[in-house]
Structure formats: C-alpha cells, structure tokens
C-alpha cells in the first residue's frame, strides 16, 4: 500500500521553505504520495498558546539568522532573510488553498521562492497576483476558501501540529525539516 505524506506548511516559515526544497525528492524515494496542506501558522500558534513569532525572541533571533545561512549553504538553496519578516501570509495561504491539489505545489514553490530568495512582499495582493494569477487572489476572498483554510489549520492542530513544517503519515507526526530523515526511515519501514 502506497503511503501518503501530509505536508502542513505556511510560506512565512523559513523551515517550511527548506522542507519544500527537499520533500518531493523524499516522497519519490519512498514511493509516497505527497499532499501539500497550506495552513495558517499564526492560527496554529494561537491555538496551542505559542508566541506568534517564536523565532524572533531576542535571545533566538541571532541564532535563527545564522542557522538559516548555514542551511542555505548546506542544501545549496538560495535563502535570504526577507526585509519584512514575518509578513502576514493570510492572502497567500488563502490563494494556495483555493487552488486544485495539482496546482498547489507549483504555486507554493513560487511563493516560497519569491519570499525567501527574492525578497518579494507576498502580503501585497498585486505581488501575489503577479506570481500565481488574478483568479487565485480573487478566489482567496471567497467564504468557501476562507473556511477551507480555517478547517485545514484546525485539522492540523487536532492532529497534534504546533508549528511548521509538520508532516503526517497517517497518525505519525514529524515536526521540522530536520526530522525529515526520520520521516524517510519511517516510510521505508525502518522506524
């Protein structure tokens, strides 16, 4: 039986960006289906009682910046701290939610790259429109899409998510890009 990875992410999360660069190859190596599940990280933080910006705590911020630079070099992916971090991603995440399952992957990569590599303001409707299309931005304003994003966020919390990226294989949860080797071993039946 083929396994499915549920990948809960928010484009504001630098570690979700890193995971987005690695997860497709992992899924392919493990012969697993991959379902990208956009959610609101701020909504998750509020639901579980975490600060909206744990990475920006004064004691942690210098480490976060250095850690991201290291990850960029290690994985050979472009990554620079955006001028406006954290940015509100409600529009971007709604736009992703309104897309078909087949369209989400490409659009998510586009938004991740725009924010984490090209320093674009993905909170700006015109920028999001230029990146993934006017239709997706217009659909993002519908109640159906708003409700769907809320439901996915709530679903993630009910499953045990407390941050991003979070991966599930059935009821097994793996949190963080750094747990992806464990996710892979689980999918291979080794853990």
C-alpha atoms as a PDB file:
ATOM      1  CA  UNK A   1       0.000   0.000   0.000  1.00  0.00           C
ATOM      2  CA  UNK A   2       1.374   3.385  -1.001  1.00  0.00           C
ATOM      3  CA  UNK A   3       1.782   5.823   1.887  1.00  0.00           C
ATOM      4  CA  UNK A   4       0.762   9.471   1.880  1.00  0.00           C
ATOM      5  CA  UNK A   5       2.688  12.360   3.402  1.00  0.00           C
ATOM      6  CA  UNK A   6       0.555  15.287   4.546  1.00  0.00           C
ATOM      7  CA  UNK A   7       2.822  18.362   4.466  1.00  0.00           C
ATOM      8  CA  UNK A   8       1.404  21.224   6.559  1.00  0.00           C
ATOM      9  CA  UNK A   9       3.190  24.485   5.833  1.00  0.00           C
ATOM     10  CA  UNK A  10       2.986  28.266   5.791  1.00  0.00           C
ATOM     11  CA  UNK A  11       5.176  30.240   3.378  1.00  0.00           C
ATOM     12  CA  UNK A  12       6.220  32.563   6.220  1.00  0.00           C
ATOM     13  CA  UNK A  13       8.115  29.690   7.858  1.00  0.00           C
ATOM     14  CA  UNK A  14      11.778  29.531   6.842  1.00  0.00           C
ATOM     15  CA  UNK A  15      11.979  25.894   7.866  1.00  0.00           C
ATOM     16  CA  UNK A  16       8.931  25.120   5.712  1.00  0.00           C
ATOM     17  CA  UNK A  17      10.818  26.753   2.831  1.00  0.00           C
ATOM     18  CA  UNK A  18      13.772  24.437   3.424  1.00  0.00           C
ATOM     19  CA  UNK A  19      11.409  21.444   3.672  1.00  0.00           C
ATOM     20  CA  UNK A  20       9.691  22.471   0.439  1.00  0.00           C
ATOM     21  CA  UNK A  21      13.013  22.086  -1.361  1.00  0.00           C
ATOM     22  CA  UNK A  22      13.525  18.541  -0.020  1.00  0.00           C
ATOM     23  CA  UNK A  23      10.131  16.890   0.424  1.00  0.00           C
ATOM     24  CA  UNK A  24       9.369  15.974  -3.196  1.00  0.00           C
ATOM     25  CA  UNK A  25      12.596  14.007  -3.598  1.00  0.00           C
ATOM     26  CA  UNK A  26      11.968  12.282  -0.266  1.00  0.00           C
ATOM     27  CA  UNK A  27       8.431  11.316  -1.314  1.00  0.00           C
ATOM     28  CA  UNK A  28       9.711   9.980  -4.628  1.00  0.00           C
ATOM     29  CA  UNK A  29      12.476   7.922  -2.968  1.00  0.00           C
ATOM     30  CA  UNK A  30       9.867   6.428  -0.634  1.00  0.00           C
ATOM     31  CA  UNK A  31       7.222   5.890  -3.310  1.00  0.00           C
ATOM     32  CA  UNK A  32       4.835   8.014  -1.232  1.00  0.00           C
ATOM     33  CA  UNK A  33       2.090  10.363  -2.324  1.00  0.00           C
ATOM     34  CA  UNK A  34       2.619  13.950  -1.198  1.00  0.00           C
ATOM     35  CA  UNK A  35      -0.252  16.213  -0.238  1.00  0.00           C
ATOM     36  CA  UNK A  36       0.663  19.865   0.295  1.00  0.00           C
ATOM     37  CA  UNK A  37      -1.587  21.322   3.011  1.00  0.00           C
ATOM     38  CA  UNK A  38      -1.403  25.108   3.372  1.00  0.00           C
ATOM     39  CA  UNK A  39      -2.367  26.320   6.840  1.00  0.00           C
ATOM     40  CA  UNK A  40      -2.012  29.468   8.941  1.00  0.00           C
ATOM     41  CA  UNK A  41       0.962  29.215  11.245  1.00  0.00           C
ATOM     42  CA  UNK A  42      -0.299  32.141  13.326  1.00  0.00           C
ATOM     43  CA  UNK A  43      -3.577  30.289  13.809  1.00  0.00           C
ATOM     44  CA  UNK A  44      -1.700  27.215  14.981  1.00  0.00           C
ATOM     45  CA  UNK A  45       0.373  29.313  17.399  1.00  0.00           C
ATOM     46  CA  UNK A  46      -2.761  30.912  18.844  1.00  0.00           C
ATOM     47  CA  UNK A  47      -4.495  27.547  19.201  1.00  0.00           C
ATOM     48  CA  UNK A  48      -1.589  25.991  21.096  1.00  0.00           C
ATOM     49  CA  UNK A  49      -0.623  29.092  23.107  1.00  0.00           C
ATOM     50  CA  UNK A  50       2.720  29.873  21.436  1.00  0.00           C
ATOM     51  CA  UNK A  51       4.015  33.363  20.708  1.00  0.00           C
ATOM     52  CA  UNK A  52       3.220  34.419  17.139  1.00  0.00           C
ATOM     53  CA  UNK A  53       6.925  34.821  16.398  1.00  0.00           C
ATOM     54  CA  UNK A  54       8.961  32.339  18.442  1.00  0.00           C
ATOM     55  CA  UNK A  55      11.901  32.699  16.049  1.00  0.00           C
ATOM     56  CA  UNK A  56      12.105  36.405  16.759  1.00  0.00           C
ATOM     57  CA  UNK A  57      12.541  36.180  20.514  1.00  0.00           C
ATOM     58  CA  UNK A  58      15.549  38.432  21.255  1.00  0.00           C
ATOM     59  CA  UNK A  59      17.655  35.520  22.513  1.00  0.00           C
ATOM     60  CA  UNK A  60      16.837  33.337  19.496  1.00  0.00           C
ATOM     61  CA  UNK A  61      16.900  35.801  16.583  1.00  0.00           C
ATOM     62  CA  UNK A  62      20.710  35.904  16.075  1.00  0.00           C
ATOM     63  CA  UNK A  63      20.790  32.104  16.066  1.00  0.00           C
ATOM     64  CA  UNK A  64      17.875  31.909  13.611  1.00  0.00           C
ATOM     65  CA  UNK A  65      19.700  34.140  11.141  1.00  0.00           C
ATOM     66  CA  UNK A  66      22.913  32.111  11.408  1.00  0.00           C
ATOM     67  CA  UNK A  67      21.006  28.818  11.213  1.00  0.00           C
ATOM     68  CA  UNK A  68      19.253  29.884   8.011  1.00  0.00           C
ATOM     69  CA  UNK A  69      22.572  30.913   6.460  1.00  0.00           C
ATOM     70  CA  UNK A  70      24.022  27.513   7.327  1.00  0.00           C
ATOM     71  CA  UNK A  71      21.019  25.686   5.884  1.00  0.00           C
ATOM     72  CA  UNK A  72      21.267  27.715   2.697  1.00  0.00           C
ATOM     73  CA  UNK A  73      24.889  26.680   2.236  1.00  0.00           C
ATOM     74  CA  UNK A  74      24.336  23.073   3.349  1.00  0.00           C
ATOM     75  CA  UNK A  75      21.436  22.399   0.990  1.00  0.00           C
ATOM     76  CA  UNK A  76      22.709  24.788  -1.690  1.00  0.00           C
ATOM     77  CA  UNK A  77      19.429  26.659  -1.860  1.00  0.00           C
ATOM     78  CA  UNK A  78      19.042  30.417  -2.150  1.00  0.00           C
ATOM     79  CA  UNK A  79      17.819  31.840   1.129  1.00  0.00           C
ATOM     80  CA  UNK A  80      17.931  35.355   2.497  1.00  0.00           C
ATOM     81  CA  UNK A  81      16.068  36.846   5.400  1.00  0.00           C
ATOM     82  CA  UNK A  82      13.212  38.908   3.938  1.00  0.00           C
ATOM     83  CA  UNK A  83      13.182  42.615   4.733  1.00  0.00           C
ATOM     84  CA  UNK A  84       9.680  42.219   6.160  1.00  0.00           C
ATOM     85  CA  UNK A  85       9.732  39.170   8.431  1.00  0.00           C
ATOM     86  CA  UNK A  86       7.360  37.860   9.476  1.00  0.00           C
ATOM     87  CA  UNK A  87       4.894  39.022   6.877  1.00  0.00           C
ATOM     88  CA  UNK A  88       1.149  38.337   7.068  1.00  0.00           C
ATOM     89  CA  UNK A  89       0.503  35.361   4.804  1.00  0.00           C
ATOM     90  CA  UNK A  90      -3.283  35.148   5.083  1.00  0.00           C
ATOM     91  CA  UNK A  91      -3.779  36.165   1.442  1.00  0.00           C
ATOM     92  CA  UNK A  92      -1.021  33.876   0.132  1.00  0.00           C
ATOM     93  CA  UNK A  93      -2.249  30.890   2.131  1.00  0.00           C
ATOM     94  CA  UNK A  94      -5.863  31.503   1.089  1.00  0.00           C
ATOM     95  CA  UNK A  95      -4.735  31.754  -2.536  1.00  0.00           C
ATOM     96  CA  UNK A  96      -2.959  28.399  -2.218  1.00  0.00           C
ATOM     97  CA  UNK A  97      -5.988  26.863  -0.505  1.00  0.00           C
ATOM     98  CA  UNK A  98      -8.225  27.890  -3.395  1.00  0.00           C
ATOM     99  CA  UNK A  99      -6.096  26.036  -5.936  1.00  0.00           C
ATOM    100  CA  UNK A 100      -6.550  22.456  -7.054  1.00  0.00           C
ATOM    101  CA  UNK A 101      -4.327  19.844  -5.424  1.00  0.00           C
ATOM    102  CA  UNK A 102      -2.327  19.634  -8.664  1.00  0.00           C
ATOM    103  CA  UNK A 103      -1.708  23.414  -8.737  1.00  0.00           C
ATOM    104  CA  UNK A 104      -0.690  23.911  -5.109  1.00  0.00           C
ATOM    105  CA  UNK A 105       2.838  22.513  -5.416  1.00  0.00           C
ATOM    106  CA  UNK A 106       3.995  24.832  -8.197  1.00  0.00           C
ATOM    107  CA  UNK A 107       2.276  27.871  -6.662  1.00  0.00           C
ATOM    108  CA  UNK A 108       3.731  27.132  -3.218  1.00  0.00           C
ATOM    109  CA  UNK A 109       7.241  26.886  -4.701  1.00  0.00           C
ATOM    110  CA  UNK A 110       6.653  30.192  -6.491  1.00  0.00           C
ATOM    111  CA  UNK A 111       5.560  31.951  -3.284  1.00  0.00           C
ATOM    112  CA  UNK A 112       8.321  30.381  -1.173  1.00  0.00           C
ATOM    113  CA  UNK A 113      10.971  31.452  -3.698  1.00  0.00           C
ATOM    114  CA  UNK A 114       9.523  34.940  -4.014  1.00  0.00           C
ATOM    115  CA  UNK A 115       9.650  35.490  -0.259  1.00  0.00           C
ATOM    116  CA  UNK A 116      12.753  33.547   0.810  1.00  0.00           C
ATOM    117  CA  UNK A 117      15.012  34.000  -2.222  1.00  0.00           C
ATOM    118  CA  UNK A 118      13.779  37.145  -3.988  1.00  0.00           C
ATOM    119  CA  UNK A 119      12.604  39.276  -1.021  1.00  0.00           C
ATOM    120  CA  UNK A 120       9.178  39.980  -2.526  1.00  0.00           C
ATOM    121  CA  UNK A 121       6.264  41.176  -0.401  1.00  0.00           C
ATOM    122  CA  UNK A 122       3.882  38.223  -0.552  1.00  0.00           C
ATOM    123  CA  UNK A 123       1.378  40.126   1.594  1.00  0.00           C
ATOM    124  CA  UNK A 124       0.788  42.528  -1.298  1.00  0.00           C
ATOM    125  CA  UNK A 125      -2.178  41.420  -3.446  1.00  0.00           C
ATOM    126  CA  UNK A 126      -0.521  42.760  -6.617  1.00  0.00           C
ATOM    127  CA  UNK A 127       2.635  40.753  -5.944  1.00  0.00           C
ATOM    128  CA  UNK A 128       0.640  37.580  -5.267  1.00  0.00           C
ATOM    129  CA  UNK A 129      -1.399  38.245  -8.416  1.00  0.00           C
ATOM    130  CA  UNK A 130       1.759  38.610 -10.496  1.00  0.00           C
ATOM    131  CA  UNK A 131       3.158  35.380  -9.045  1.00  0.00           C
ATOM    132  CA  UNK A 132       0.231  32.963  -9.121  1.00  0.00           C
ATOM    133  CA  UNK A 133      -2.554  34.741 -11.016  1.00  0.00           C
ATOM    134  CA  UNK A 134      -5.503  37.046 -10.516  1.00  0.00           C
ATOM    135  CA  UNK A 135      -8.012  34.177 -10.319  1.00  0.00           C
ATOM    136  CA  UNK A 136      -6.309  32.667  -7.282  1.00  0.00           C
ATOM    137  CA  UNK A 137      -6.268  36.041  -5.497  1.00  0.00           C
ATOM    138  CA  UNK A 138      -9.924  36.675  -6.306  1.00  0.00           C
ATOM    139  CA  UNK A 139     -10.895  33.169  -5.159  1.00  0.00           C
ATOM    140  CA  UNK A 140      -8.936  33.779  -1.915  1.00  0.00           C
ATOM    141  CA  UNK A 141     -11.606  36.278  -0.869  1.00  0.00           C
ATOM    142  CA  UNK A 142     -14.481  33.809  -1.039  1.00  0.00           C
ATOM    143  CA  UNK A 143     -16.005  32.432   2.129  1.00  0.00           C
ATOM    144  CA  UNK A 144     -15.533  28.884   0.853  1.00  0.00           C
ATOM    145  CA  UNK A 145     -11.747  29.330   0.629  1.00  0.00           C
ATOM    146  CA  UNK A 146     -11.551  31.209   3.948  1.00  0.00           C
ATOM    147  CA  UNK A 147     -13.443  28.373   5.632  1.00  0.00           C
ATOM    148  CA  UNK A 148     -11.276  25.714   3.964  1.00  0.00           C
ATOM    149  CA  UNK A 149      -8.055  27.341   5.220  1.00  0.00           C
ATOM    150  CA  UNK A 150      -9.507  27.655   8.710  1.00  0.00           C
ATOM    151  CA  UNK A 151     -10.526  23.969   8.599  1.00  0.00           C
ATOM    152  CA  UNK A 152      -7.065  22.822   7.467  1.00  0.00           C
ATOM    153  CA  UNK A 153      -5.459  24.864  10.242  1.00  0.00           C
ATOM    154  CA  UNK A 154      -7.868  23.416  12.797  1.00  0.00           C
ATOM    155  CA  UNK A 155      -7.320  19.898  11.415  1.00  0.00           C
ATOM    156  CA  UNK A 156      -3.539  20.262  11.825  1.00  0.00           C
ATOM    157  CA  UNK A 157      -3.930  21.352  15.458  1.00  0.00           C
ATOM    158  CA  UNK A 158      -6.305  18.464  16.178  1.00  0.00           C
ATOM    159  CA  UNK A 159      -3.726  16.072  14.734  1.00  0.00           C
ATOM    160  CA  UNK A 160      -1.082  17.500  17.080  1.00  0.00           C
ATOM    161  CA  UNK A 161       0.676  20.166  15.000  1.00  0.00           C
ATOM    162  CA  UNK A 162       2.242  23.043  16.932  1.00  0.00           C
ATOM    163  CA  UNK A 163       4.398  24.632  14.225  1.00  0.00           C
ATOM    164  CA  UNK A 164       5.659  24.320  10.679  1.00  0.00           C
ATOM    165  CA  UNK A 165       6.617  22.340   8.803  1.00  0.00           C
ATOM    166  CA  UNK A 166       4.673  19.399  10.137  1.00  0.00           C
ATOM    167  CA  UNK A 167       4.399  16.093   8.310  1.00  0.00           C
ATOM    168  CA  UNK A 168       1.964  13.272   8.960  1.00  0.00           C
ATOM    169  CA  UNK A 169       1.940   9.732   7.659  1.00  0.00           C
ATOM    170  CA  UNK A 170      -1.423   8.514   8.887  1.00  0.00           C
ATOM    171  CA  UNK A 171      -1.225   9.246  12.654  1.00  0.00           C
ATOM    172  CA  UNK A 172       2.569   9.527  12.857  1.00  0.00           C
ATOM    173  CA  UNK A 173       3.747  13.138  13.146  1.00  0.00           C
ATOM    174  CA  UNK A 174       7.177  14.506  12.248  1.00  0.00           C
ATOM    175  CA  UNK A 175       7.895  18.144  13.085  1.00  0.00           C
ATOM    176  CA  UNK A 176      10.538  20.247  11.393  1.00  0.00           C
ATOM    177  CA  UNK A 177      12.695  19.916   8.310  1.00  0.00           C
ATOM    178  CA  UNK A 178      15.379  18.345  10.499  1.00  0.00           C
ATOM    179  CA  UNK A 179      13.139  15.338  11.186  1.00  0.00           C
ATOM    180  CA  UNK A 180      12.812  14.504   7.513  1.00  0.00           C
ATOM    181  CA  UNK A 181      15.439  11.729   7.723  1.00  0.00           C
ATOM    182  CA  UNK A 182      13.269  10.100  10.410  1.00  0.00           C
ATOM    183  CA  UNK A 183      10.196  10.587   8.217  1.00  0.00           C
ATOM    184  CA  UNK A 184      12.039   8.854   5.390  1.00  0.00           C
ATOM    185  CA  UNK A 185      13.101   5.940   7.580  1.00  0.00           C
ATOM    186  CA  UNK A 186       9.509   5.609   8.815  1.00  0.00           C
ATOM    187  CA  UNK A 187       8.236   5.476   5.244  1.00  0.00           C
ATOM    188  CA  UNK A 188      10.860   2.826   4.431  1.00  0.00           C
ATOM    189  CA  UNK A 189       9.628   0.717   7.365  1.00  0.00           C
ATOM    190  CA  UNK A 190      12.848   1.151   9.330  1.00  0.00           C
ATOM    191  CA  UNK A 191      11.367   3.098  12.262  1.00  0.00           C
END
